[in-house]
C-alpha atoms as a PDB file:
ATOM      1  CA  MET A   1     -38.460-110.867 133.473  1.00  0.00           C
ATOM      2  CA  ASP A   2     -38.667-108.217 136.196  1.00  0.00           C
ATOM      3  CA  THR A   3     -35.442-106.562 135.078  1.00  0.00           C
ATOM      4  CA  LYS A   4     -36.669-106.457 131.519  1.00  0.00           C
ATOM      5  CA  GLY A   5     -40.117-105.073 132.376  1.00  0.00           C
ATOM      6  CA  LEU A   6     -41.935-108.227 131.261  1.00  0.00           C
ATOM      7  CA  GLY A   7     -45.071-108.310 133.444  1.00  0.00           C
ATOM      8  CA  SER A   8     -45.278-108.775 137.233  1.00  0.00           C
ATOM      9  CA  GLY A   9     -46.510-111.331 139.673  1.00  0.00           C
ATOM     10  CA  PRO A  10     -46.352-115.127 139.532  1.00  0.00           C
ATOM     11  CA  ILE A  11     -45.824-117.425 136.574  1.00  0.00           C
ATOM     12  CA  ALA A  12     -49.169-119.147 135.768  1.00  0.00           C
ATOM     13  CA  ASP A  13     -50.729-121.685 133.443  1.00  0.00           C
ATOM     14  CA  VAL A  14     -47.472-123.453 132.666  1.00  0.00           C
ATOM     15  CA  THR A  15     -47.821-126.084 129.844  1.00  0.00           C
ATOM     16  CA  ARG A  16     -45.065-128.076 128.299  1.00  0.00           C
ATOM     17  CA  LEU A  17     -45.163-127.994 124.451  1.00  0.00           C
ATOM     18  CA  ALA A  18     -44.035-130.624 121.972  1.00  0.00           C
ATOM     19  CA  GLY A  19     -40.951-129.693 119.941  1.00  0.00           C
ATOM     20  CA  GLY A  20     -38.121-132.131 119.550  1.00  0.00           C
ATOM     21  CA  THR A  21     -36.039-134.152 122.038  1.00  0.00           C
ATOM     22  CA  GLN A  22     -33.021-131.950 122.520  1.00  0.00           C
ATOM     23  CA  ASN A  23     -34.840-128.930 124.017  1.00  0.00           C
ATOM     24  CA  LEU A  24     -37.673-128.103 126.435  1.00  0.00           C
ATOM     25  CA  ILE A  25     -40.374-125.650 125.452  1.00  0.00           C
ATOM     26  CA  PHE A  26     -43.016-124.305 127.858  1.00  0.00           C
ATOM     27  CA  ARG A  27     -45.871-121.835 127.404  1.00  0.00           C
ATOM     28  CA  PHE A  28     -46.972-119.777 130.466  1.00  0.00           C
ATOM     29  CA  ARG A  29     -48.775-116.582 131.425  1.00  0.00           C
ATOM     30  CA  ARG A  30     -47.657-113.686 133.405  1.00  0.00           C
ATOM     31  CA  LEU A  31     -50.064-110.883 134.244  1.00  0.00           C
ATOM     32  CA  ASP A  32     -52.050-110.572 131.050  1.00  0.00           C
ATOM     33  CA  ARG A  33     -49.547-111.869 128.422  1.00  0.00           C
ATOM     34  CA  ASP A  34     -48.513-115.302 127.217  1.00  0.00           C
ATOM     35  CA  TYR A  35     -44.898-116.296 126.589  1.00  0.00           C
ATOM     36  CA  VAL A  36     -43.045-119.350 125.284  1.00  0.00           C
ATOM     37  CA  LEU A  37     -39.706-120.353 126.927  1.00  0.00           C
ATOM     38  CA  ARG A  38     -37.179-122.468 125.070  1.00  0.00           C
ATOM     39  CA  ARG A  39     -34.206-123.980 126.843  1.00  0.00           C
ATOM     40  CA  PRO A  40     -31.896-127.073 126.497  1.00  0.00           C
ATOM     41  CA  SER A  41     -32.843-130.340 128.122  1.00  0.00           C
ATOM     42  CA  LEU A  42     -32.162-130.999 131.842  1.00  0.00           C
ATOM     43  CA  ALA A  43     -29.062-132.982 130.738  1.00  0.00           C
ATOM     44  CA  PRO A  44     -27.888-130.600 127.977  1.00  0.00           C
ATOM     45  CA  ARG A  45     -25.375-131.403 125.323  1.00  0.00           C
ATOM     46  CA  PRO A  46     -22.061-129.519 125.297  1.00  0.00           C
ATOM     47  CA  ARG A  47     -22.451-125.904 124.192  1.00  0.00           C
ATOM     48  CA  ALA A  48     -26.274-126.183 124.381  1.00  0.00           C
ATOM     49  CA  GLY A  49     -26.508-122.722 125.924  1.00  0.00           C
ATOM     50  CA  GLU A  50     -24.492-121.300 123.009  1.00  0.00           C
ATOM     51  CA  THR A  51     -26.995-122.978 120.605  1.00  0.00           C
ATOM     52  CA  MET A  52     -29.846-121.221 122.487  1.00  0.00           C
ATOM     53  CA  MET A  53     -28.175-117.831 121.999  1.00  0.00           C
ATOM     54  CA  ARG A  54     -27.599-118.566 118.329  1.00  0.00           C
ATOM     55  CA  GLU A  55     -31.233-119.293 117.870  1.00  0.00           C
ATOM     56  CA  ALA A  56     -32.229-116.100 119.740  1.00  0.00           C
ATOM     57  CA  ARG A  57     -29.827-114.162 117.480  1.00  0.00           C
ATOM     58  CA  VAL A  58     -31.480-115.464 114.305  1.00  0.00           C
ATOM     59  CA  LEU A  59     -34.962-114.736 115.543  1.00  0.00           C
ATOM     60  CA  ALA A  60     -33.822-111.188 116.400  1.00  0.00           C
ATOM     61  CA  ALA A  61     -32.369-110.752 112.937  1.00  0.00           C
ATOM     62  CA  LEU A  62     -35.648-111.877 111.314  1.00  0.00           C
ATOM     63  CA  ALA A  63     -37.704-109.187 112.960  1.00  0.00           C
ATOM     64  CA  GLY A  64     -39.584-107.137 110.371  1.00  0.00           C
ATOM     65  CA  SER A  65     -38.796-109.591 107.615  1.00  0.00           C
ATOM     66  CA  LYS A  66     -41.226-111.523 105.392  1.00  0.00           C
ATOM     67  CA  VAL A  67     -40.060-114.803 106.960  1.00  0.00           C
ATOM     68  CA  PRO A  68     -42.765-116.095 109.279  1.00  0.00           C
ATOM     69  CA  HIS A  69     -41.077-116.859 112.615  1.00  0.00           C
ATOM     70  CA  PRO A  70     -41.758-116.658 116.366  1.00  0.00           C
ATOM     71  CA  ALA A  71     -40.937-113.156 117.527  1.00  0.00           C
ATOM     72  CA  LEU A  72     -38.145-112.992 120.090  1.00  0.00           C
ATOM     73  CA  VAL A  73     -39.184-111.374 123.363  1.00  0.00           C
ATOM     74  CA  ALA A  74     -35.869-111.630 125.377  1.00  0.00           C
ATOM     75  CA  LYS A  75     -32.937-113.788 125.899  1.00  0.00           C
ATOM     76  CA  CYS A  76     -30.870-114.678 128.987  1.00  0.00           C
ATOM     77  CA  GLU A  77     -27.214-115.857 128.851  1.00  0.00           C
ATOM     78  CA  ASP A  78     -26.925-115.984 132.614  1.00  0.00           C
ATOM     79  CA  ASP A  79     -26.977-119.692 133.513  1.00  0.00           C
ATOM     80  CA  SER A  80     -27.420-118.894 137.206  1.00  0.00           C
ATOM     81  CA  ILE A  81     -31.144-118.368 136.560  1.00  0.00           C
ATOM     82  CA  LEU A  82     -32.185-121.754 135.121  1.00  0.00           C
ATOM     83  CA  GLY A  83     -28.812-123.518 134.995  1.00  0.00           C
ATOM     84  CA  THR A  84     -28.540-122.762 131.313  1.00  0.00           C
ATOM     85  CA  ALA A  85     -29.133-120.027 128.750  1.00  0.00           C
ATOM     86  CA  PHE A  86     -32.680-119.626 127.557  1.00  0.00           C
ATOM     87  CA  TYR A  87     -34.905-117.227 125.581  1.00  0.00           C
ATOM     88  CA  LEU A  88     -38.569-116.138 125.568  1.00  0.00           C
ATOM     89  CA  MET A  89     -40.612-115.818 122.351  1.00  0.00           C
ATOM     90  CA  GLU A  90     -44.135-114.931 121.424  1.00  0.00           C
ATOM     91  CA  PRO A  91     -46.548-117.901 121.155  1.00  0.00           C
ATOM     92  CA  VAL A  92     -47.557-119.005 117.653  1.00  0.00           C
ATOM     93  CA  THR A  93     -51.115-120.190 116.844  1.00  0.00           C
ATOM     94  CA  GLY A  94     -50.808-123.018 114.307  1.00  0.00           C
ATOM     95  CA  PHE A  95     -50.408-126.691 113.735  1.00  0.00           C
ATOM     96  CA  ASN A  96     -47.686-129.071 112.709  1.00  0.00           C
ATOM     97  CA  ALA A  97     -48.800-131.208 109.778  1.00  0.00           C
ATOM     98  CA  VAL A  98     -46.634-134.109 110.769  1.00  0.00           C
ATOM     99  CA  ASN A  99     -48.477-134.331 114.106  1.00  0.00           C
ATOM    100  CA  GLY A 100     -51.880-134.386 112.374  1.00  0.00           C
ATOM    101  CA  MET A 101     -53.920-132.509 109.841  1.00  0.00           C
ATOM    102  CA  PRO A 102     -56.954-130.526 111.163  1.00  0.00           C
ATOM    103  CA  GLU A 103     -59.977-129.423 109.132  1.00  0.00           C
ATOM    104  CA  PRO A 104     -60.403-127.830 106.630  1.00  0.00           C
ATOM    105  CA  HIS A 105     -56.951-128.823 105.450  1.00  0.00           C
ATOM    106  CA  ARG A 106     -57.667-132.499 106.000  1.00  0.00           C
ATOM    107  CA  SER A 107     -60.444-132.564 103.530  1.00  0.00           C
ATOM    108  CA  SER A 108     -59.076-130.207 100.852  1.00  0.00           C
ATOM    109  CA  PRO A 109     -56.426-131.300  98.317  1.00  0.00           C
ATOM    110  CA  ALA A 110     -56.349-127.696  97.092  1.00  0.00           C
ATOM    111  CA  LEU A 111     -55.395-126.430 100.530  1.00  0.00           C
ATOM    112  CA  ARG A 112     -52.739-129.129 100.791  1.00  0.00           C
ATOM    113  CA  ARG A 113     -51.217-128.112  97.477  1.00  0.00           C
ATOM    114  CA  ARG A 114     -51.017-124.538  98.695  1.00  0.00           C
ATOM    115  CA  MET A 115     -49.336-125.742 101.919  1.00  0.00           C
ATOM    116  CA  GLY A 116     -46.487-127.274  99.880  1.00  0.00           C
ATOM    117  CA  LEU A 117     -46.055-124.102  97.843  1.00  0.00           C
ATOM    118  CA  ALA A 118     -46.103-121.959 101.051  1.00  0.00           C
ATOM    119  CA  LEU A 119     -43.389-124.120 102.488  1.00  0.00           C
ATOM    120  CA  VAL A 120     -41.159-123.358  99.491  1.00  0.00           C
ATOM    121  CA  GLU A 121     -41.943-119.638  99.704  1.00  0.00           C
ATOM    122  CA  GLY A 122     -40.807-119.609 103.265  1.00  0.00           C
ATOM    123  CA  ALA A 123     -37.418-121.010 102.226  1.00  0.00           C
ATOM    124  CA  ALA A 124     -37.131-118.531  99.349  1.00  0.00           C
ATOM    125  CA  ALA A 125     -37.977-115.572 101.693  1.00  0.00           C
ATOM    126  CA  LEU A 126     -35.289-116.693 104.097  1.00  0.00           C
ATOM    127  CA  ALA A 127     -32.797-116.992 101.291  1.00  0.00           C
ATOM    128  CA  HIS A 128     -33.586-113.500 100.103  1.00  0.00           C
ATOM    129  CA  ILE A 129     -32.413-111.799 103.352  1.00  0.00           C
ATOM    130  CA  ASP A 130     -29.055-109.951 103.299  1.00  0.00           C
ATOM    131  CA  TYR A 131     -27.572-111.678 106.350  1.00  0.00           C
ATOM    132  CA  ALA A 132     -24.900-108.970 106.953  1.00  0.00           C
ATOM    133  CA  ALA A 133     -27.480-106.189 106.840  1.00  0.00           C
ATOM    134  CA  ALA A 134     -29.571-108.237 109.276  1.00  0.00           C
ATOM    135  CA  GLY A 135     -26.725-108.338 111.810  1.00  0.00           C
ATOM    136  CA  LEU A 136     -25.548-111.902 111.229  1.00  0.00           C
ATOM    137  CA  GLU A 137     -22.014-111.144 110.100  1.00  0.00           C
ATOM    138  CA  GLY A 138     -19.795-113.837 111.699  1.00  0.00           C
ATOM    139  CA  PHE A 139     -22.712-116.135 112.421  1.00  0.00           C
ATOM    140  CA  GLY A 140     -21.216-118.846 110.227  1.00  0.00           C
ATOM    141  CA  ARG A 141     -18.244-119.589 107.975  1.00  0.00           C
ATOM    142  CA  PRO A 142     -19.536-119.162 104.385  1.00  0.00           C
ATOM    143  CA  GLU A 143     -16.054-119.467 102.778  1.00  0.00           C
ATOM    144  CA  ASN A 144     -15.724-122.897 101.208  1.00  0.00           C
ATOM    145  CA  PHE A 145     -19.032-123.968 102.733  1.00  0.00           C
ATOM    146  CA  LEU A 146     -19.825-126.365  99.893  1.00  0.00           C
ATOM    147  CA  GLU A 147     -16.253-127.812  99.719  1.00  0.00           C
ATOM    148  CA  ARG A 148     -16.362-128.717 103.402  1.00  0.00           C
ATOM    149  CA  GLN A 149     -19.626-130.612 103.306  1.00  0.00           C
ATOM    150  CA  VAL A 150     -18.690-134.066 102.057  1.00  0.00           C
ATOM    151  CA  SER A 151     -15.579-134.560 104.201  1.00  0.00           C
ATOM    152  CA  ARG A 152     -17.367-133.089 107.229  1.00  0.00           C
ATOM    153  CA  TRP A 153     -20.173-135.615 106.997  1.00  0.00           C
ATOM    154  CA  ARG A 154     -18.067-138.494 105.890  1.00  0.00           C
ATOM    155  CA  ASP A 155     -15.951-137.911 109.142  1.00  0.00           C
ATOM    156  CA  GLN A 156     -19.150-137.903 111.041  1.00  0.00           C
ATOM    157  CA  LEU A 157     -20.167-141.247 109.616  1.00  0.00           C
ATOM    158  CA  ASP A 158     -16.767-142.705 110.400  1.00  0.00           C
ATOM    159  CA  SER A 159     -16.932-141.552 113.926  1.00  0.00           C
ATOM    160  CA  TYR A 160     -19.790-143.998 114.539  1.00  0.00           C
ATOM    161  CA  THR A 161     -17.332-146.867 114.527  1.00  0.00           C
ATOM    162  CA  ARG A 162     -16.770-146.002 118.171  1.00  0.00           C
ATOM    163  CA  GLN A 163     -20.209-147.358 118.959  1.00  0.00           C
ATOM    164  CA  THR A 164     -19.934-151.078 119.794  1.00  0.00           C
ATOM    165  CA  GLY A 165     -22.125-153.277 117.516  1.00  0.00           C
ATOM    166  CA  TRP A 166     -22.573-150.775 114.730  1.00  0.00           C
ATOM    167  CA  PRO A 167     -22.070-152.762 111.407  1.00  0.00           C
ATOM    168  CA  GLY A 168     -20.155-149.846 109.759  1.00  0.00           C
ATOM    169  CA  PRO A 169     -20.599-147.522 106.834  1.00  0.00           C
ATOM    170  CA  GLN A 170     -21.181-150.462 104.458  1.00  0.00           C
ATOM    171  CA  SER A 171     -24.613-150.883 106.011  1.00  0.00           C
ATOM    172  CA  LEU A 172     -25.577-147.667 104.104  1.00  0.00           C
ATOM    173  CA  GLN A 173     -25.199-149.437 100.783  1.00  0.00           C
ATOM    174  CA  ASP A 174     -24.889-146.512  98.407  1.00  0.00           C
ATOM    175  CA  VAL A 175     -22.937-144.101 100.666  1.00  0.00           C
ATOM    176  CA  GLY A 176     -19.669-144.652  98.927  1.00  0.00           C
ATOM    177  CA  SER A 177     -20.989-143.978  95.381  1.00  0.00           C
ATOM    178  CA  LEU A 178     -22.924-140.975  96.678  1.00  0.00           C
ATOM    179  CA  SER A 179     -19.947-139.573  98.481  1.00  0.00           C
ATOM    180  CA  ASP A 180     -17.804-139.874  95.372  1.00  0.00           C
ATOM    181  CA  TYR A 181     -20.412-138.119  93.189  1.00  0.00           C
ATOM    182  CA  LEU A 182     -20.727-135.233  95.693  1.00  0.00           C
ATOM    183  CA  ALA A 183     -16.976-134.761  96.057  1.00  0.00           C
ATOM    184  CA  THR A 184     -16.359-134.578  92.217  1.00  0.00           C
ATOM    185  CA  ASN A 185     -19.303-132.382  91.317  1.00  0.00           C
ATOM    186  CA  ILE A 186     -19.196-129.497  93.743  1.00  0.00           C
ATOM    187  CA  PRO A 187     -20.921-126.450  92.263  1.00  0.00           C
ATOM    188  CA  PRO A 188     -18.451-123.799  91.203  1.00  0.00           C
ATOM    189  CA  GLY A 189     -19.784-121.088  93.449  1.00  0.00           C
ATOM    190  CA  TYR A 190     -22.748-119.840  95.513  1.00  0.00           C
ATOM    191  CA  ARG A 191     -24.176-116.696  97.124  1.00  0.00           C
ATOM    192  CA  PRO A 192     -24.169-117.060 100.899  1.00  0.00           C
ATOM    193  CA  GLY A 193     -27.300-116.545 102.911  1.00  0.00           C
ATOM    194  CA  ILE A 194     -29.124-117.642 106.052  1.00  0.00           C
ATOM    195  CA  LEU A 195     -29.572-121.434 106.109  1.00  0.00           C
ATOM    196  CA  HIS A 196     -32.142-122.931 108.476  1.00  0.00           C
ATOM    197  CA  GLY A 197     -30.398-126.278 108.351  1.00  0.00           C
ATOM    198  CA  ASP A 198     -33.361-128.594 108.943  1.00  0.00           C
ATOM    199  CA  TYR A 199     -36.067-127.072 106.758  1.00  0.00           C
ATOM    200  CA  GLN A 200     -39.008-129.557 106.307  1.00  0.00           C
ATOM    201  CA  LEU A 201     -42.617-130.073 107.172  1.00  0.00           C
ATOM    202  CA  ALA A 202     -41.805-131.074 110.792  1.00  0.00           C
ATOM    203  CA  ASN A 203     -40.223-127.712 111.452  1.00  0.00           C
ATOM    204  CA  VAL A 204     -42.999-125.357 110.309  1.00  0.00           C
ATOM    205  CA  MET A 205     -46.337-124.471 111.690  1.00  0.00           C
ATOM    206  CA  TYR A 206     -49.377-123.722 109.509  1.00  0.00           C
ATOM    207  CA  ARG A 207     -52.264-121.372 110.143  1.00  0.00           C
ATOM    208  CA  TYR A 208     -55.555-122.993 111.196  1.00  0.00           C
ATOM    209  CA  ASP A 209     -57.571-120.583 109.000  1.00  0.00           C
ATOM    210  CA  SER A 210     -55.468-120.854 105.829  1.00  0.00           C
ATOM    211  CA  PRO A 211     -52.777-122.958 104.115  1.00  0.00           C
ATOM    212  CA  GLU A 212     -50.141-120.378 104.803  1.00  0.00           C
ATOM    213  CA  LEU A 213     -47.207-120.694 107.142  1.00  0.00           C
ATOM    214  CA  ALA A 214     -47.703-119.402 110.680  1.00  0.00           C
ATOM    215  CA  ALA A 215     -44.043-119.765 111.650  1.00  0.00           C
ATOM    216  CA  ILE A 216     -40.753-121.533 110.810  1.00  0.00           C
ATOM    217  CA  VAL A 217     -39.477-123.127 114.052  1.00  0.00           C
ATOM    218  CA  ASP A 218     -36.516-125.024 115.474  1.00  0.00           C
ATOM    219  CA  TRP A 219     -33.600-122.835 114.396  1.00  0.00           C
ATOM    220  CA  GLU A 220     -30.865-124.743 116.273  1.00  0.00           C
ATOM    221  CA  LEU A 221     -29.032-125.830 113.092  1.00  0.00           C
ATOM    222  CA  SER A 222     -29.134-122.395 111.473  1.00  0.00           C
ATOM    223  CA  THR A 223     -25.954-120.882 110.052  1.00  0.00           C
ATOM    224  CA  ILE A 224     -24.637-118.892 107.175  1.00  0.00           C
ATOM    225  CA  GLY A 225     -24.271-121.146 104.153  1.00  0.00           C
ATOM    226  CA  ASP A 226     -26.011-121.980 100.899  1.00  0.00           C
ATOM    227  CA  PRO A 227     -29.756-121.499 101.174  1.00  0.00           C
ATOM    228  CA  LEU A 228     -30.335-123.873  98.280  1.00  0.00           C
ATOM    229  CA  LEU A 229     -29.640-126.625 100.754  1.00  0.00           C
ATOM    230  CA  ASP A 230     -32.923-125.741 102.520  1.00  0.00           C
ATOM    231  CA  LEU A 231     -34.935-126.298  99.348  1.00  0.00           C
ATOM    232  CA  ALA A 232     -32.933-129.492  98.815  1.00  0.00           C
ATOM    233  CA  TRP A 233     -33.804-130.614 102.363  1.00  0.00           C
ATOM    234  CA  ILE A 234     -37.517-130.261 101.517  1.00  0.00           C
ATOM    235  CA  VAL A 235     -37.147-132.357  98.436  1.00  0.00           C
ATOM    236  CA  ALA A 236     -34.978-134.903 100.187  1.00  0.00           C
ATOM    237  CA  THR A 237     -37.682-135.520 102.848  1.00  0.00           C
ATOM    238  CA  TRP A 238     -40.682-135.169 100.401  1.00  0.00           C
ATOM    239  CA  ARG A 239     -43.169-137.892  99.855  1.00  0.00           C
ATOM    240  CA  GLY A 240     -44.382-139.098  96.466  1.00  0.00           C
ATOM    241  CA  TYR A 241     -41.377-140.732  94.911  1.00  0.00           C
ATOM    242  CA  ASP A 242     -39.378-143.861  95.593  1.00  0.00           C
ATOM    243  CA  PRO A 243     -37.939-144.968  97.813  1.00  0.00           C
ATOM    244  CA  GLU A 244     -40.415-143.657 100.349  1.00  0.00           C
ATOM    245  CA  LEU A 245     -39.135-142.772 103.826  1.00  0.00           C
ATOM    246  CA  PRO A 246     -40.611-144.359 106.966  1.00  0.00           C
ATOM    247  CA  VAL A 247     -40.433-140.963 108.752  1.00  0.00           C
ATOM    248  CA  LEU A 248     -42.063-137.491 108.385  1.00  0.00           C
ATOM    249  CA  GLN A 249     -45.338-138.921 107.170  1.00  0.00           C
ATOM    250  CA  VAL A 250     -48.124-136.489 106.602  1.00  0.00           C
ATOM    251  CA  GLU A 251     -51.733-137.791 105.995  1.00  0.00           C
ATOM    252  CA  PRO A 252     -53.607-137.329 103.759  1.00  0.00           C
ATOM    253  CA  TRP A 253     -50.924-136.663 101.125  1.00  0.00           C
ATOM    254  CA  ASP A 254     -52.903-136.272  97.877  1.00  0.00           C
ATOM    255  CA  GLY A 255     -52.870-132.679  96.728  1.00  0.00           C
ATOM    256  CA  PHE A 256     -49.355-131.807  97.823  1.00  0.00           C
ATOM    257  CA  PRO A 257     -47.059-130.687  94.889  1.00  0.00           C
ATOM    258  CA  THR A 258     -44.487-132.998  93.421  1.00  0.00           C
ATOM    259  CA  ALA A 259     -40.903-132.529  94.125  1.00  0.00           C
ATOM    260  CA  ASP A 260     -40.274-131.063  90.688  1.00  0.00           C
ATOM    261  CA  GLU A 261     -43.123-128.594  91.181  1.00  0.00           C
ATOM    262  CA  LEU A 262     -41.533-127.439  94.471  1.00  0.00           C
ATOM    263  CA  ILE A 263     -38.279-126.775  92.680  1.00  0.00           C
ATOM    264  CA  ARG A 264     -40.013-124.892  89.887  1.00  0.00           C
ATOM    265  CA  HIS A 265     -41.945-122.792  92.406  1.00  0.00           C
ATOM    266  CA  TYR A 266     -38.748-121.901  94.306  1.00  0.00           C
ATOM    267  CA  ALA A 267     -37.169-120.887  90.977  1.00  0.00           C
ATOM    268  CA  ASP A 268     -40.097-118.653  90.302  1.00  0.00           C
ATOM    269  CA  HIS A 269     -39.502-116.914  93.666  1.00  0.00           C
ATOM    270  CA  SER A 270     -35.726-116.689  93.578  1.00  0.00           C
ATOM    271  CA  LEU A 271     -32.925-115.319  91.413  1.00  0.00           C
ATOM    272  CA  ARG A 272     -30.548-118.041  92.558  1.00  0.00           C
ATOM    273  CA  ASP A 273     -28.868-120.349  90.012  1.00  0.00           C
ATOM    274  CA  MET A 274     -30.783-123.638  90.051  1.00  0.00           C
ATOM    275  CA  THR A 275     -28.551-125.511  87.544  1.00  0.00           C
ATOM    276  CA  CYS A 276     -26.997-127.765  90.239  1.00  0.00           C
ATOM    277  CA  ILE A 277     -30.114-128.453  92.300  1.00  0.00           C
ATOM    278  CA  ASN A 278     -29.720-132.223  91.762  1.00  0.00           C
ATOM    279  CA  TRP A 279     -26.333-131.976  93.520  1.00  0.00           C
ATOM    280  CA  TYR A 280     -27.900-130.196  96.462  1.00  0.00           C
ATOM    281  CA  VAL A 281     -30.708-132.735  96.832  1.00  0.00           C
ATOM    282  CA  ALA A 282     -28.094-135.481  96.750  1.00  0.00           C
ATOM    283  CA  LEU A 283     -26.176-133.651  99.406  1.00  0.00           C
ATOM    284  CA  ALA A 284     -29.272-133.275 101.593  1.00  0.00           C
ATOM    285  CA  CYS A 285     -29.917-136.994 101.346  1.00  0.00           C
ATOM    286  CA  PHE A 286     -26.330-137.767 102.231  1.00  0.00           C
ATOM    287  CA  LYS A 287     -26.196-135.412 105.217  1.00  0.00           C
ATOM    288  CA  LEU A 288     -29.636-136.346 106.665  1.00  0.00           C
ATOM    289  CA  GLY A 289     -28.919-140.012 106.135  1.00  0.00           C
ATOM    290  CA  ILE A 290     -25.715-139.735 108.157  1.00  0.00           C
ATOM    291  CA  ILE A 291     -27.425-137.780 110.894  1.00  0.00           C
ATOM    292  CA  LEU A 292     -30.178-140.457 111.252  1.00  0.00           C
ATOM    293  CA  GLU A 293     -27.641-143.225 111.151  1.00  0.00           C
ATOM    294  CA  GLY A 294     -26.035-141.773 114.278  1.00  0.00           C
ATOM    295  CA  THR A 295     -29.169-142.936 116.293  1.00  0.00           C
ATOM    296  CA  HIS A 296     -28.930-146.320 114.766  1.00  0.00           C
ATOM    297  CA  ALA A 297     -25.278-146.582 115.820  1.00  0.00           C
ATOM    298  CA  ARG A 298     -26.106-145.568 119.371  1.00  0.00           C
ATOM    299  CA  ALA A 299     -28.970-148.099 119.387  1.00  0.00           C
ATOM    300  CA  CYS A 300     -26.585-150.820 118.357  1.00  0.00           C
ATOM    301  CA  ALA A 301     -24.502-149.913 121.379  1.00  0.00           C
ATOM    302  CA  GLY A 302     -27.523-149.915 123.688  1.00  0.00           C
ATOM    303  CA  LYS A 303     -27.597-146.152 124.084  1.00  0.00           C
ATOM    304  CA  ALA A 304     -30.861-145.587 122.263  1.00  0.00           C
ATOM    305  CA  ALA A 305     -34.125-147.524 121.639  1.00  0.00           C
ATOM    306  CA  ARG A 306     -33.478-150.295 119.144  1.00  0.00           C
ATOM    307  CA  GLU A 307     -36.854-149.922 117.496  1.00  0.00           C
ATOM    308  CA  THR A 308     -36.237-146.290 116.832  1.00  0.00           C
ATOM    309  CA  GLY A 309     -32.610-146.970 115.672  1.00  0.00           C
ATOM    310  CA  ASP A 310     -33.755-149.597 113.208  1.00  0.00           C
ATOM    311  CA  ARG A 311     -36.471-147.301 111.791  1.00  0.00           C
ATOM    312  CA  LEU A 312     -34.032-144.517 111.297  1.00  0.00           C
ATOM    313  CA  HIS A 313     -31.538-146.894 109.724  1.00  0.00           C
ATOM    314  CA  GLU A 314     -34.151-147.845 107.245  1.00  0.00           C
ATOM    315  CA  ALA A 315     -34.723-144.128 106.535  1.00  0.00           C
ATOM    316  CA  ALA A 316     -30.965-143.562 106.135  1.00  0.00           C
ATOM    317  CA  VAL A 317     -30.662-146.357 103.606  1.00  0.00           C
ATOM    318  CA  SER A 318     -33.573-145.008 101.628  1.00  0.00           C
ATOM    319  CA  LEU A 319     -32.027-141.452 101.716  1.00  0.00           C
ATOM    320  CA  MET A 320     -28.746-142.773 100.257  1.00  0.00           C
ATOM    321  CA  GLN A 321     -30.759-144.465  97.459  1.00  0.00           C
ATOM    322  CA  ARG A 322     -32.681-141.209  96.892  1.00  0.00           C
ATOM    323  CA  GLY A 323     -29.465-139.314  96.745  1.00  0.00           C
ATOM    324  CA  LEU A 324     -27.937-141.574  94.119  1.00  0.00           C
ATOM    325  CA  ILE A 325     -31.117-141.404  92.030  1.00  0.00           C
ATOM    326  CA  TRP A 326     -30.967-137.499  92.093  1.00  0.00           C
ATOM    327  CA  SER A 327     -27.310-137.669  91.140  1.00  0.00           C
ATOM    328  CA  LYS A 328     -28.284-139.350  87.929  1.00  0.00           C
ATOM    329  CA  ARG A 329     -31.177-137.071  86.933  1.00  0.00           C
ATOM    330  CA  PRO A 330     -30.868-134.782  83.910  1.00  0.00           C
ATOM    331  CA  VAL A 331     -29.602-131.274  84.612  1.00  0.00           C
ATOM    332  CA  TRP A 332     -32.477-129.131  85.826  1.00  0.00           C
ATOM    333  CA  GLN A 333     -33.674-126.498  83.379  1.00  0.00           C
END
């Protein structure tokens, strides 16, 4: 911080913030300014430092855009400082709806409806950015992005067989049918853009004084791909239609838009072709279900809490069911 002219004197008022299990986030003050530091865990995964720098690169690219995000202050690739790469960002004042709904949002269905629409508008704003002009050329592999998805995630699912005690892919009852549908109905083309990769209510913060987004957070899965998958991710994790998911619960829920209203609102804020949105939602269900099943597989092998693993397995089964339902819906118009 000294070499970058970021204040002087000691670090003070250090507070650890909530924000996932794979990274550590701290707020602190130096001189007369507050900062937030984000870094990998103390036992980081392979290439965790590289992931930090990718996050910082995205935040830098979003500067000056209409996408609400934490402003990047500085990044550090030198792992001799903290033992890993890290970056500093501006603090964001806001709340995460999954962790609890404050007033006046808690008492207002109208505010909650607007919260859902604002969530979609954030995804549409991100999809609108020209990633090359924003400096993100080479950030991902957009060529054949959609064609790679099914085999990539099916291989991921098959890799769980290395976990002793896991009952196998057949425990996700509809995964085979869903996989076949996705593989044989790949959309004929798409326009690449910035993909958040885990865009849902748990990864945004809302303003306390309005139903608008304060910031989109947790950019560790971001890449260059098909932004419609971010919209599909919202729908895949949305409440209000069966089967319900035992995760990402927000209370109270009345007032939030329906999944179909979210899709319509996105279409009103985007020029992207929505014809194949059912396929994207099915893919989001497939991909997220396989990700969650990984924790269940580790729990079966005694490497994660069994209660958590069982709950996420239940969610994975429901997601496969949701995906199959969306695969059979009429073409969106």
